[in-house]
Amino acid sequence: MVGAYIDKVEKKKKKKNIQEKKHYFGHIARRLPSNIDKLKLVGKVEGKRPRCRSPRRWSDQVKSLTGLPITEAIKKAEDRTGWKAAIKIATKLLESGHNLQ
């Protein structure tokens, strides 16, 4: 009984986390091209990552959450209403167990 409740709470937290990442990406993607956050999003940093760091980059996470290449996701995010609709669809697909890549 308690295990089922914990699973339900964990699933809800994961869904909220995914939605927040997508909303934040949309917020950053709509900024000016000269904005430092947007430059970090589309830019590549040379060199290796320090030890104990995740090999996934923010752009890799966006690609796996949306199923779109980063440049296409940025273009979609510039249209606010279209981006919100895309977030809802992708979240439902992820909940049902689909892999968006």
PDB file of N, CA and C in Angstrom:
ATOM      1  N   MET A   1       0.823  -1.193   0.000  1.00  0.00           N
ATOM      2  CA  MET A   1       0.000   0.000   0.000  1.00  0.00           C
ATOM      3  C   MET A   1       0.872   1.264   0.000  1.00  0.00           C
ATOM      4  N   VAL A   2       1.840   1.295   0.924  1.00  0.00           N
ATOM      5  CA  VAL A   2       2.719   2.460   1.007  1.00  0.00           C
ATOM      6  C   VAL A   2       3.604   2.535  -0.238  1.00  0.00           C
ATOM      7  N   GLY A   3       4.054   1.381  -0.727  1.00  0.00           N
ATOM      8  CA  GLY A   3       4.895   1.351  -1.925  1.00  0.00           C
ATOM      9  C   GLY A   3       4.189   1.924  -3.139  1.00  0.00           C
ATOM     10  N   ALA A   4       2.901   1.623  -3.273  1.00  0.00           N
ATOM     11  CA  ALA A   4       2.129   2.146  -4.402  1.00  0.00           C
ATOM     12  C   ALA A   4       2.000   3.664  -4.300  1.00  0.00           C
ATOM     13  N   TYR A   5       1.811   4.157  -3.084  1.00  0.00           N
ATOM     14  CA  TYR A   5       1.696   5.603  -2.877  1.00  0.00           C
ATOM     15  C   TYR A   5       3.020   6.289  -3.213  1.00  0.00           C
ATOM     16  N   ILE A   6       4.126   5.689  -2.769  1.00  0.00           N
ATOM     17  CA  ILE A   6       5.444   6.267  -3.051  1.00  0.00           C
ATOM     18  C   ILE A   6       5.699   6.286  -4.557  1.00  0.00           C
ATOM     19  N   ASP A   7       5.341   5.207  -5.240  1.00  0.00           N
ATOM     20  CA  ASP A   7       5.499   5.163  -6.698  1.00  0.00           C
ATOM     21  C   ASP A   7       4.687   6.262  -7.375  1.00  0.00           C
ATOM     22  N   LYS A   8       3.468   6.480  -6.887  1.00  0.00           N
ATOM     23  CA  LYS A   8       2.596   7.508  -7.456  1.00  0.00           C
ATOM     24  C   LYS A   8       3.208   8.900  -7.269  1.00  0.00           C
ATOM     25  N   VAL A   9       3.742   9.154  -6.068  1.00  0.00           N
ATOM     26  CA  VAL A   9       4.355  10.452  -5.775  1.00  0.00           C
ATOM     27  C   VAL A   9       5.609  10.649  -6.629  1.00  0.00           C
ATOM     28  N   GLU A  10       6.423   9.599  -6.750  1.00  0.00           N
ATOM     29  CA  GLU A  10       7.640   9.685  -7.566  1.00  0.00           C
ATOM     30  C   GLU A  10       7.306   9.978  -9.029  1.00  0.00           C
ATOM     31  N   LYS A  11       6.284   9.324  -9.540  1.00  0.00           N
ATOM     32  CA  LYS A  11       5.865   9.532 -10.928  1.00  0.00           C
ATOM     33  C   LYS A  11       5.390  10.973 -11.139  1.00  0.00           C
ATOM     34  N   LYS A  12       4.650  11.487 -10.156  1.00  0.00           N
ATOM     35  CA  LYS A  12       4.145  12.860 -10.238  1.00  0.00           C
ATOM     36  C   LYS A  12       5.304  13.861 -10.213  1.00  0.00           C
ATOM     37  N   LYS A  13       6.304  13.611  -9.349  1.00  0.00           N
ATOM     38  CA  LYS A  13       7.463  14.493  -9.263  1.00  0.00           C
ATOM     39  C   LYS A  13       8.265  14.471 -10.562  1.00  0.00           C
ATOM     40  N   LYS A  14       8.399  13.284 -11.148  1.00  0.00           N
ATOM     41  CA  LYS A  14       9.145  13.158 -12.402  1.00  0.00           C
ATOM     42  C   LYS A  14       8.441  13.922 -13.518  1.00  0.00           C
ATOM     43  N   LYS A  15       7.118  13.801 -13.580  1.00  0.00           N
ATOM     44  CA  LYS A  15       6.340  14.511 -14.598  1.00  0.00           C
ATOM     45  C   LYS A  15       6.504  16.023 -14.442  1.00  0.00           C
ATOM     46  N   LYS A  16       6.436  16.502 -13.204  1.00  0.00           N
ATOM     47  CA  LYS A  16       6.574  17.935 -12.944  1.00  0.00           C
ATOM     48  C   LYS A  16       7.973  18.416 -13.335  1.00  0.00           C
ATOM     49  N   ASN A  17       8.984  17.622 -13.037  1.00  0.00           N
ATOM     50  CA  ASN A  17      10.355  17.977 -13.378  1.00  0.00           C
ATOM     51  C   ASN A  17      10.528  18.089 -14.891  1.00  0.00           C
ATOM     52  N   ILE A  18       9.961  17.142 -15.627  1.00  0.00           N
ATOM     53  CA  ILE A  18      10.039  17.170 -17.088  1.00  0.00           C
ATOM     54  C   ILE A  18       9.347  18.412 -17.633  1.00  0.00           C
ATOM     55  N   GLN A  19       8.166  18.719 -17.118  1.00  0.00           N
ATOM     56  CA  GLN A  19       7.435  19.900 -17.589  1.00  0.00           C
ATOM     57  C   GLN A  19       8.201  21.180 -17.287  1.00  0.00           C
ATOM     58  N   GLU A  20       8.813  21.260 -16.102  1.00  0.00           N
ATOM     59  CA  GLU A  20       9.571  22.457 -15.739  1.00  0.00           C
ATOM     60  C   GLU A  20      10.778  22.645 -16.650  1.00  0.00           C
ATOM     61  N   LYS A  21      11.459  21.552 -17.008  1.00  0.00           N
ATOM     62  CA  LYS A  21      12.603  21.656 -17.920  1.00  0.00           C
ATOM     63  C   LYS A  21      12.162  22.177 -19.281  1.00  0.00           C
ATOM     64  N   LYS A  22      11.040  21.675 -19.763  1.00  0.00           N
ATOM     65  CA  LYS A  22      10.545  22.107 -21.073  1.00  0.00           C
ATOM     66  C   LYS A  22      10.111  23.571 -21.045  1.00  0.00           C
ATOM     67  N   HIS A  23       9.452  23.983 -19.977  1.00  0.00           N
ATOM     68  CA  HIS A  23       9.035  25.384 -19.860  1.00  0.00           C
ATOM     69  C   HIS A  23      10.261  26.296 -19.810  1.00  0.00           C
ATOM     70  N   TYR A  24      11.272  25.899 -19.042  1.00  0.00           N
ATOM     71  CA  TYR A  24      12.482  26.707 -18.928  1.00  0.00           C
ATOM     72  C   TYR A  24      13.188  26.799 -20.280  1.00  0.00           C
ATOM     73  N   PHE A  25      13.239  25.684 -21.000  1.00  0.00           N
ATOM     74  CA  PHE A  25      13.851  25.704 -22.327  1.00  0.00           C
ATOM     75  C   PHE A  25      13.126  26.690 -23.236  1.00  0.00           C
ATOM     76  N   GLY A  26      11.804  26.670 -23.209  1.00  0.00           N
ATOM     77  CA  GLY A  26      11.029  27.600 -24.026  1.00  0.00           C
ATOM     78  C   GLY A  26      11.328  29.044 -23.662  1.00  0.00           C
ATOM     79  N   HIS A  27      11.474  29.299 -22.365  1.00  0.00           N
ATOM     80  CA  HIS A  27      11.790  30.645 -21.877  1.00  0.00           C
ATOM     81  C   HIS A  27      13.150  31.103 -22.420  1.00  0.00           C
ATOM     82  N   ILE A  28      14.141  30.245 -22.349  1.00  0.00           N
ATOM     83  CA  ILE A  28      15.485  30.588 -22.822  1.00  0.00           C
ATOM     84  C   ILE A  28      15.510  30.716 -24.346  1.00  0.00           C
ATOM     85  N   ALA A  29      14.810  29.834 -25.041  1.00  0.00           N
ATOM     86  CA  ALA A  29      14.835  29.831 -26.509  1.00  0.00           C
ATOM     87  C   ALA A  29      14.230  31.097 -27.096  1.00  0.00           C
ATOM     88  N   ARG A  30      13.331  31.748 -26.378  1.00  0.00           N
ATOM     89  CA  ARG A  30      12.695  32.963 -26.896  1.00  0.00           C
ATOM     90  C   ARG A  30      13.524  34.219 -26.638  1.00  0.00           C
ATOM     91  N   ARG A  31      14.640  34.087 -25.978  1.00  0.00           N
ATOM     92  CA  ARG A  31      15.483  35.259 -25.720  1.00  0.00           C
ATOM     93  C   ARG A  31      16.256  35.670 -26.970  1.00  0.00           C
ATOM     94  N   LEU A  32      16.894  36.833 -26.880  1.00  0.00           N
ATOM     95  CA  LEU A  32      17.703  37.339 -27.995  1.00  0.00           C
ATOM     96  C   LEU A  32      18.897  36.418 -28.246  1.00  0.00           C
ATOM     97  N   PRO A  33      19.362  36.344 -29.493  1.00  0.00           N
ATOM     98  CA  PRO A  33      20.502  35.467 -29.804  1.00  0.00           C
ATOM     99  C   PRO A  33      21.776  35.828 -29.041  1.00  0.00           C
ATOM    100  N   SER A  34      21.913  37.080 -28.616  1.00  0.00           N
ATOM    101  CA  SER A  34      23.119  37.495 -27.901  1.00  0.00           C
ATOM    102  C   SER A  34      23.054  37.190 -26.403  1.00  0.00           C
ATOM    103  N   ASN A  35      21.936  36.684 -25.920  1.00  0.00           N
ATOM    104  CA  ASN A  35      21.787  36.378 -24.501  1.00  0.00           C
ATOM    105  C   ASN A  35      22.712  35.228 -24.113  1.00  0.00           C
ATOM    106  N   ILE A  36      23.405  35.367 -22.975  1.00  0.00           N
ATOM    107  CA  ILE A  36      24.400  34.376 -22.556  1.00  0.00           C
ATOM    108  C   ILE A  36      23.775  33.001 -22.309  1.00  0.00           C
ATOM    109  N   ASP A  37      22.570  32.958 -21.748  1.00  0.00           N
ATOM    110  CA  ASP A  37      21.922  31.669 -21.500  1.00  0.00           C
ATOM    111  C   ASP A  37      21.604  30.949 -22.809  1.00  0.00           C
ATOM    112  N   LYS A  38      21.162  31.697 -23.800  1.00  0.00           N
ATOM    113  CA  LYS A  38      20.859  31.084 -25.096  1.00  0.00           C
ATOM    114  C   LYS A  38      22.145  30.629 -25.781  1.00  0.00           C
ATOM    115  N   LEU A  39      23.216  31.409 -25.643  1.00  0.00           N
ATOM    116  CA  LEU A  39      24.501  31.008 -26.218  1.00  0.00           C
ATOM    117  C   LEU A  39      24.998  29.715 -25.582  1.00  0.00           C
ATOM    118  N   LYS A  40      24.805  29.580 -24.265  1.00  0.00           N
ATOM    119  CA  LYS A  40      25.214  28.346 -23.587  1.00  0.00           C
ATOM    120  C   LYS A  40      24.396  27.162 -24.078  1.00  0.00           C
ATOM    121  N   LEU A  41      23.153  27.408 -24.383  1.00  0.00           N
ATOM    122  CA  LEU A  41      22.259  26.335 -24.819  1.00  0.00           C
ATOM    123  C   LEU A  41      22.670  25.766 -26.168  1.00  0.00           C
ATOM    124  N   VAL A  42      23.003  26.628 -27.112  1.00  0.00           N
ATOM    125  CA  VAL A  42      23.316  26.159 -28.460  1.00  0.00           C
ATOM    126  C   VAL A  42      24.809  25.969 -28.687  1.00  0.00           C
ATOM    127  N   GLY A  43      25.641  26.501 -27.813  1.00  0.00           N
ATOM    128  CA  GLY A  43      27.086  26.411 -28.002  1.00  0.00           C
ATOM    129  C   GLY A  43      27.667  25.098 -27.521  1.00  0.00           C
ATOM    130  N   LYS A  44      28.838  24.807 -27.989  1.00  0.00           N
ATOM    131  CA  LYS A  44      29.572  23.616 -27.568  1.00  0.00           C
ATOM    132  C   LYS A  44      30.824  24.082 -26.836  1.00  0.00           C
ATOM    133  N   VAL A  45      31.158  23.408 -25.760  1.00  0.00           N
ATOM    134  CA  VAL A  45      32.345  23.738 -24.985  1.00  0.00           C
ATOM    135  C   VAL A  45      33.399  22.680 -25.276  1.00  0.00           C
ATOM    136  N   GLU A  46      34.595  23.125 -25.604  1.00  0.00           N
ATOM    137  CA  GLU A  46      35.681  22.193 -25.906  1.00  0.00           C
ATOM    138  C   GLU A  46      36.222  21.592 -24.614  1.00  0.00           C
ATOM    139  N   GLY A  47      36.803  20.423 -24.739  1.00  0.00           N
ATOM    140  CA  GLY A  47      37.444  19.786 -23.596  1.00  0.00           C
ATOM    141  C   GLY A  47      36.607  18.675 -22.996  1.00  0.00           C
ATOM    142  N   LYS A  48      37.142  18.106 -21.905  1.00  0.00           N
ATOM    143  CA  LYS A  48      36.466  17.003 -21.234  1.00  0.00           C
ATOM    144  C   LYS A  48      35.726  17.513 -20.009  1.00  0.00           C
ATOM    145  N   ARG A  49      34.764  16.734 -19.591  1.00  0.00           N
ATOM    146  CA  ARG A  49      34.034  17.061 -18.369  1.00  0.00           C
ATOM    147  C   ARG A  49      34.850  16.595 -17.164  1.00  0.00           C
ATOM    148  N   PRO A  50      34.699  17.277 -16.041  1.00  0.00           N
ATOM    149  CA  PRO A  50      35.369  16.806 -14.826  1.00  0.00           C
ATOM    150  C   PRO A  50      34.828  15.433 -14.410  1.00  0.00           C
ATOM    151  N   ARG A  51      35.570  14.739 -13.589  1.00  0.00           N
ATOM    152  CA  ARG A  51      35.120  13.442 -13.095  1.00  0.00           C
ATOM    153  C   ARG A  51      33.823  13.596 -12.320  1.00  0.00           C
ATOM    154  N   CYS A  52      33.056  12.536 -12.326  1.00  0.00           N
ATOM    155  CA  CYS A  52      31.778  12.475 -11.587  1.00  0.00           C
ATOM    156  C   CYS A  52      30.719  13.418 -12.143  1.00  0.00           C
ATOM    157  N   ARG A  53      30.863  13.855 -13.343  1.00  0.00           N
ATOM    158  CA  ARG A  53      29.845  14.713 -13.948  1.00  0.00           C
ATOM    159  C   ARG A  53      29.044  13.904 -14.952  1.00  0.00           C
ATOM    160  N   SER A  54      27.801  14.244 -15.079  1.00  0.00           N
ATOM    161  CA  SER A  54      26.939  13.565 -16.034  1.00  0.00           C
ATOM    162  C   SER A  54      27.424  13.834 -17.456  1.00  0.00           C
ATOM    163  N   PRO A  55      27.483  12.803 -18.295  1.00  0.00           N
ATOM    164  CA  PRO A  55      27.910  13.038 -19.676  1.00  0.00           C
ATOM    165  C   PRO A  55      26.838  13.712 -20.527  1.00  0.00           C
ATOM    166  N   ARG A  56      25.631  13.852 -19.983  1.00  0.00           N
ATOM    167  CA  ARG A  56      24.549  14.474 -20.750  1.00  0.00           C
ATOM    168  C   ARG A  56      24.598  15.985 -20.615  1.00  0.00           C
ATOM    169  N   ARG A  57      24.466  16.639 -21.712  1.00  0.00           N
ATOM    170  CA  ARG A  57      24.398  18.098 -21.722  1.00  0.00           C
ATOM    171  C   ARG A  57      22.937  18.525 -21.696  1.00  0.00           C
ATOM    172  N   TRP A  58      22.718  19.807 -21.440  1.00  0.00           N
ATOM    173  CA  TRP A  58      21.358  20.346 -21.413  1.00  0.00           C
ATOM    174  C   TRP A  58      20.687  20.115 -22.759  1.00  0.00           C
ATOM    175  N   SER A  59      21.439  20.313 -23.834  1.00  0.00           N
ATOM    176  CA  SER A  59      20.864  20.111 -25.168  1.00  0.00           C
ATOM    177  C   SER A  59      20.491  18.646 -25.391  1.00  0.00           C
ATOM    178  N   ASP A  60      21.262  17.715 -24.813  1.00  0.00           N
ATOM    179  CA  ASP A  60      20.917  16.293 -24.912  1.00  0.00           C
ATOM    180  C   ASP A  60      19.605  16.004 -24.190  1.00  0.00           C
ATOM    181  N   GLN A  61      19.418  16.633 -23.036  1.00  0.00           N
ATOM    182  CA  GLN A  61      18.184  16.437 -22.276  1.00  0.00           C
ATOM    183  C   GLN A  61      16.985  16.982 -23.036  1.00  0.00           C
ATOM    184  N   VAL A  62      17.138  18.152 -23.630  1.00  0.00           N
ATOM    185  CA  VAL A  62      16.040  18.744 -24.403  1.00  0.00           C
ATOM    186  C   VAL A  62      15.693  17.841 -25.581  1.00  0.00           C
ATOM    187  N   LYS A  63      16.706  17.308 -26.233  1.00  0.00           N
ATOM    188  CA  LYS A  63      16.473  16.419 -27.376  1.00  0.00           C
ATOM    189  C   LYS A  63      15.714  15.165 -26.939  1.00  0.00           C
ATOM    190  N   SER A  64      16.075  14.589 -25.796  1.00  0.00           N
ATOM    191  CA  SER A  64      15.384  13.376 -25.350  1.00  0.00           C
ATOM    192  C   SER A  64      13.980  13.679 -24.835  1.00  0.00           C
ATOM    193  N   LEU A  65      13.760  14.872 -24.297  1.00  0.00           N
ATOM    194  CA  LEU A  65      12.435  15.224 -23.779  1.00  0.00           C
ATOM    195  C   LEU A  65      11.462  15.642 -24.873  1.00  0.00           C
ATOM    196  N   THR A  66      11.996  16.227 -25.941  1.00  0.00           N
ATOM    197  CA  THR A  66      11.112  16.717 -27.000  1.00  0.00           C
ATOM    198  C   THR A  66      11.106  15.828 -28.233  1.00  0.00           C
ATOM    199  N   GLY A  67      12.177  15.069 -28.424  1.00  0.00           N
ATOM    200  CA  GLY A  67      12.288  14.254 -29.622  1.00  0.00           C
ATOM    201  C   GLY A  67      12.697  15.066 -30.840  1.00  0.00           C
ATOM    202  N   LEU A  68      13.171  16.283 -30.616  1.00  0.00           N
ATOM    203  CA  LEU A  68      13.558  17.184 -31.711  1.00  0.00           C
ATOM    204  C   LEU A  68      15.022  17.574 -31.581  1.00  0.00           C
ATOM    205  N   PRO A  69      15.708  17.821 -32.701  1.00  0.00           N
ATOM    206  CA  PRO A  69      17.051  18.400 -32.615  1.00  0.00           C
ATOM    207  C   PRO A  69      16.961  19.784 -31.967  1.00  0.00           C
ATOM    208  N   ILE A  70      18.044  20.229 -31.353  1.00  0.00           N
ATOM    209  CA  ILE A  70      18.028  21.470 -30.574  1.00  0.00           C
ATOM    210  C   ILE A  70      17.618  22.673 -31.422  1.00  0.00           C
ATOM    211  N   THR A  71      18.080  22.750 -32.672  1.00  0.00           N
ATOM    212  CA  THR A  71      17.737  23.912 -33.505  1.00  0.00           C
ATOM    213  C   THR A  71      16.245  23.937 -33.829  1.00  0.00           C
ATOM    214  N   GLU A  72      15.684  22.762 -34.087  1.00  0.00           N
ATOM    215  CA  GLU A  72      14.249  22.685 -34.382  1.00  0.00           C
ATOM    216  C   GLU A  72      13.420  22.986 -33.127  1.00  0.00           C
ATOM    217  N   ALA A  73      13.904  22.524 -31.975  1.00  0.00           N
ATOM    218  CA  ALA A  73      13.197  22.795 -30.722  1.00  0.00           C
ATOM    219  C   ALA A  73      13.191  24.294 -30.425  1.00  0.00           C
ATOM    220  N   ILE A  74      14.301  24.976 -30.718  1.00  0.00           N
ATOM    221  CA  ILE A  74      14.365  26.427 -30.496  1.00  0.00           C
ATOM    222  C   ILE A  74      13.359  27.136 -31.394  1.00  0.00           C
ATOM    223  N   LYS A  75      13.268  26.723 -32.654  1.00  0.00           N
ATOM    224  CA  LYS A  75      12.304  27.346 -33.571  1.00  0.00           C
ATOM    225  C   LYS A  75      10.875  27.138 -33.083  1.00  0.00           C
ATOM    226  N   LYS A  76      10.575  25.929 -32.601  1.00  0.00           N
ATOM    227  CA  LYS A  76       9.224  25.656 -32.100  1.00  0.00           C
ATOM    228  C   LYS A  76       8.930  26.467 -30.843  1.00  0.00           C
ATOM    229  N   ALA A  77       9.930  26.624 -29.981  1.00  0.00           N
ATOM    230  CA  ALA A  77       9.728  27.320 -28.709  1.00  0.00           C
ATOM    231  C   ALA A  77       9.479  28.808 -28.902  1.00  0.00           C
ATOM    232  N   GLU A  78       9.879  29.364 -30.030  1.00  0.00           N
ATOM    233  CA  GLU A  78       9.650  30.783 -30.279  1.00  0.00           C
ATOM    234  C   GLU A  78       8.168  31.098 -30.419  1.00  0.00           C
ATOM    235  N   ASP A  79       7.370  30.109 -30.792  1.00  0.00           N
ATOM    236  CA  ASP A  79       5.914  30.256 -30.823  1.00  0.00           C
ATOM    237  C   ASP A  79       5.375  29.722 -29.495  1.00  0.00           C
ATOM    238  N   ARG A  80       5.008  30.610 -28.605  1.00  0.00           N
ATOM    239  CA  ARG A  80       4.616  30.244 -27.242  1.00  0.00           C
ATOM    240  C   ARG A  80       3.468  29.235 -27.183  1.00  0.00           C
ATOM    241  N   THR A  81       2.411  29.493 -27.921  1.00  0.00           N
ATOM    242  CA  THR A  81       1.247  28.600 -27.848  1.00  0.00           C
ATOM    243  C   THR A  81       1.557  27.245 -28.473  1.00  0.00           C
ATOM    244  N   GLY A  82       2.295  27.248 -29.558  1.00  0.00           N
ATOM    245  CA  GLY A  82       2.690  25.985 -30.178  1.00  0.00           C
ATOM    246  C   GLY A  82       3.598  25.172 -29.275  1.00  0.00           C
ATOM    247  N   TRP A  83       4.493  25.868 -28.547  1.00  0.00           N
ATOM    248  CA  TRP A  83       5.409  25.190 -27.638  1.00  0.00           C
ATOM    249  C   TRP A  83       4.646  24.552 -26.473  1.00  0.00           C
ATOM    250  N   LYS A  84       3.666  25.265 -25.942  1.00  0.00           N
ATOM    251  CA  LYS A  84       2.871  24.704 -24.843  1.00  0.00           C
ATOM    252  C   LYS A  84       2.138  23.446 -25.290  1.00  0.00           C
ATOM    253  N   ALA A  85       1.611  23.468 -26.507  1.00  0.00           N
ATOM    254  CA  ALA A  85       0.920  22.287 -27.032  1.00  0.00           C
ATOM    255  C   ALA A  85       1.906  21.133 -27.222  1.00  0.00           C
ATOM    256  N   ALA A  86       3.098  21.441 -27.715  1.00  0.00           N
ATOM    257  CA  ALA A  86       4.117  20.406 -27.919  1.00  0.00           C
ATOM    258  C   ALA A  86       4.558  19.802 -26.593  1.00  0.00           C
ATOM    259  N   ILE A  87       4.648  20.630 -25.552  1.00  0.00           N
ATOM    260  CA  ILE A  87       5.019  20.140 -24.223  1.00  0.00           C
ATOM    261  C   ILE A  87       3.987  19.141 -23.723  1.00  0.00           C
ATOM    262  N   LYS A  88       2.716  19.483 -23.873  1.00  0.00           N
ATOM    263  CA  LYS A  88       1.655  18.588 -23.401  1.00  0.00           C
ATOM    264  C   LYS A  88       1.695  17.250 -24.125  1.00  0.00           C
ATOM    265  N   ILE A  89       1.867  17.291 -25.441  1.00  0.00           N
ATOM    266  CA  ILE A  89       1.895  16.053 -26.231  1.00  0.00           C
ATOM    267  C   ILE A  89       3.098  15.195 -25.844  1.00  0.00           C
ATOM    268  N   ALA A  90       4.273  15.813 -25.758  1.00  0.00           N
ATOM    269  CA  ALA A  90       5.481  15.056 -25.428  1.00  0.00           C
ATOM    270  C   ALA A  90       5.406  14.470 -24.022  1.00  0.00           C
ATOM    271  N   THR A  91       4.836  15.215 -23.078  1.00  0.00           N
ATOM    272  CA  THR A  91       4.700  14.712 -21.712  1.00  0.00           C
ATOM    273  C   THR A  91       3.780  13.505 -21.671  1.00  0.00           C
ATOM    274  N   LYS A  92       2.680  13.557 -22.400  1.00  0.00           N
ATOM    275  CA  LYS A  92       1.764  12.412 -22.443  1.00  0.00           C
ATOM    276  C   LYS A  92       2.439  11.199 -23.065  1.00  0.00           C
ATOM    277  N   LEU A  93       3.226  11.417 -24.119  1.00  0.00           N
ATOM    278  CA  LEU A  93       3.939  10.306 -24.748  1.00  0.00           C
ATOM    279  C   LEU A  93       4.962   9.692 -23.798  1.00  0.00           C
ATOM    280  N   LEU A  94       5.695  10.548 -23.067  1.00  0.00           N
ATOM    281  CA  LEU A  94       6.671  10.039 -22.111  1.00  0.00           C
ATOM    282  C   LEU A  94       5.992   9.260 -20.989  1.00  0.00           C
ATOM    283  N   GLU A  95       4.840   9.742 -20.536  1.00  0.00           N
ATOM    284  CA  GLU A  95       4.100   9.051 -19.476  1.00  0.00           C
ATOM    285  C   GLU A  95       3.651   7.668 -19.923  1.00  0.00           C
ATOM    286  N   SER A  96       3.303   7.549 -21.189  1.00  0.00           N
ATOM    287  CA  SER A  96       2.816   6.264 -21.687  1.00  0.00           C
ATOM    288  C   SER A  96       3.959   5.314 -22.043  1.00  0.00           C
ATOM    289  N   GLY A  97       5.201   5.763 -21.837  1.00  0.00           N
ATOM    290  CA  GLY A  97       6.343   4.877 -22.029  1.00  0.00           C
ATOM    291  C   GLY A  97       7.040   4.989 -23.365  1.00  0.00           C
ATOM    292  N   HIS A  98       6.676   5.952 -24.185  1.00  0.00           N
ATOM    293  CA  HIS A  98       7.336   6.130 -25.483  1.00  0.00           C
ATOM    294  C   HIS A  98       8.707   6.770 -25.296  1.00  0.00           C
ATOM    295  N   ASN A  99       9.636   6.392 -26.142  1.00  0.00           N
ATOM    296  CA  ASN A  99      10.942   7.029 -26.183  1.00  0.00           C
ATOM    297  C   ASN A  99      10.909   8.023 -27.334  1.00  0.00           C
ATOM    298  N   LEU A 100      11.146   9.290 -27.069  1.00  0.00           N
ATOM    299  CA  LEU A 100      10.993  10.327 -28.089  1.00  0.00           C
ATOM    300  C   LEU A 100      12.189  10.464 -29.021  1.00  0.00           C
ATOM    301  N   GLN A 101      13.262   9.757 -28.773  1.00  0.00           N
ATOM    302  CA  GLN A 101      14.433   9.908 -29.639  1.00  0.00           C
ATOM    303  C   GLN A 101      14.312   9.114 -30.887  1.00  0.00           C
TER     304      GLN A 101
END
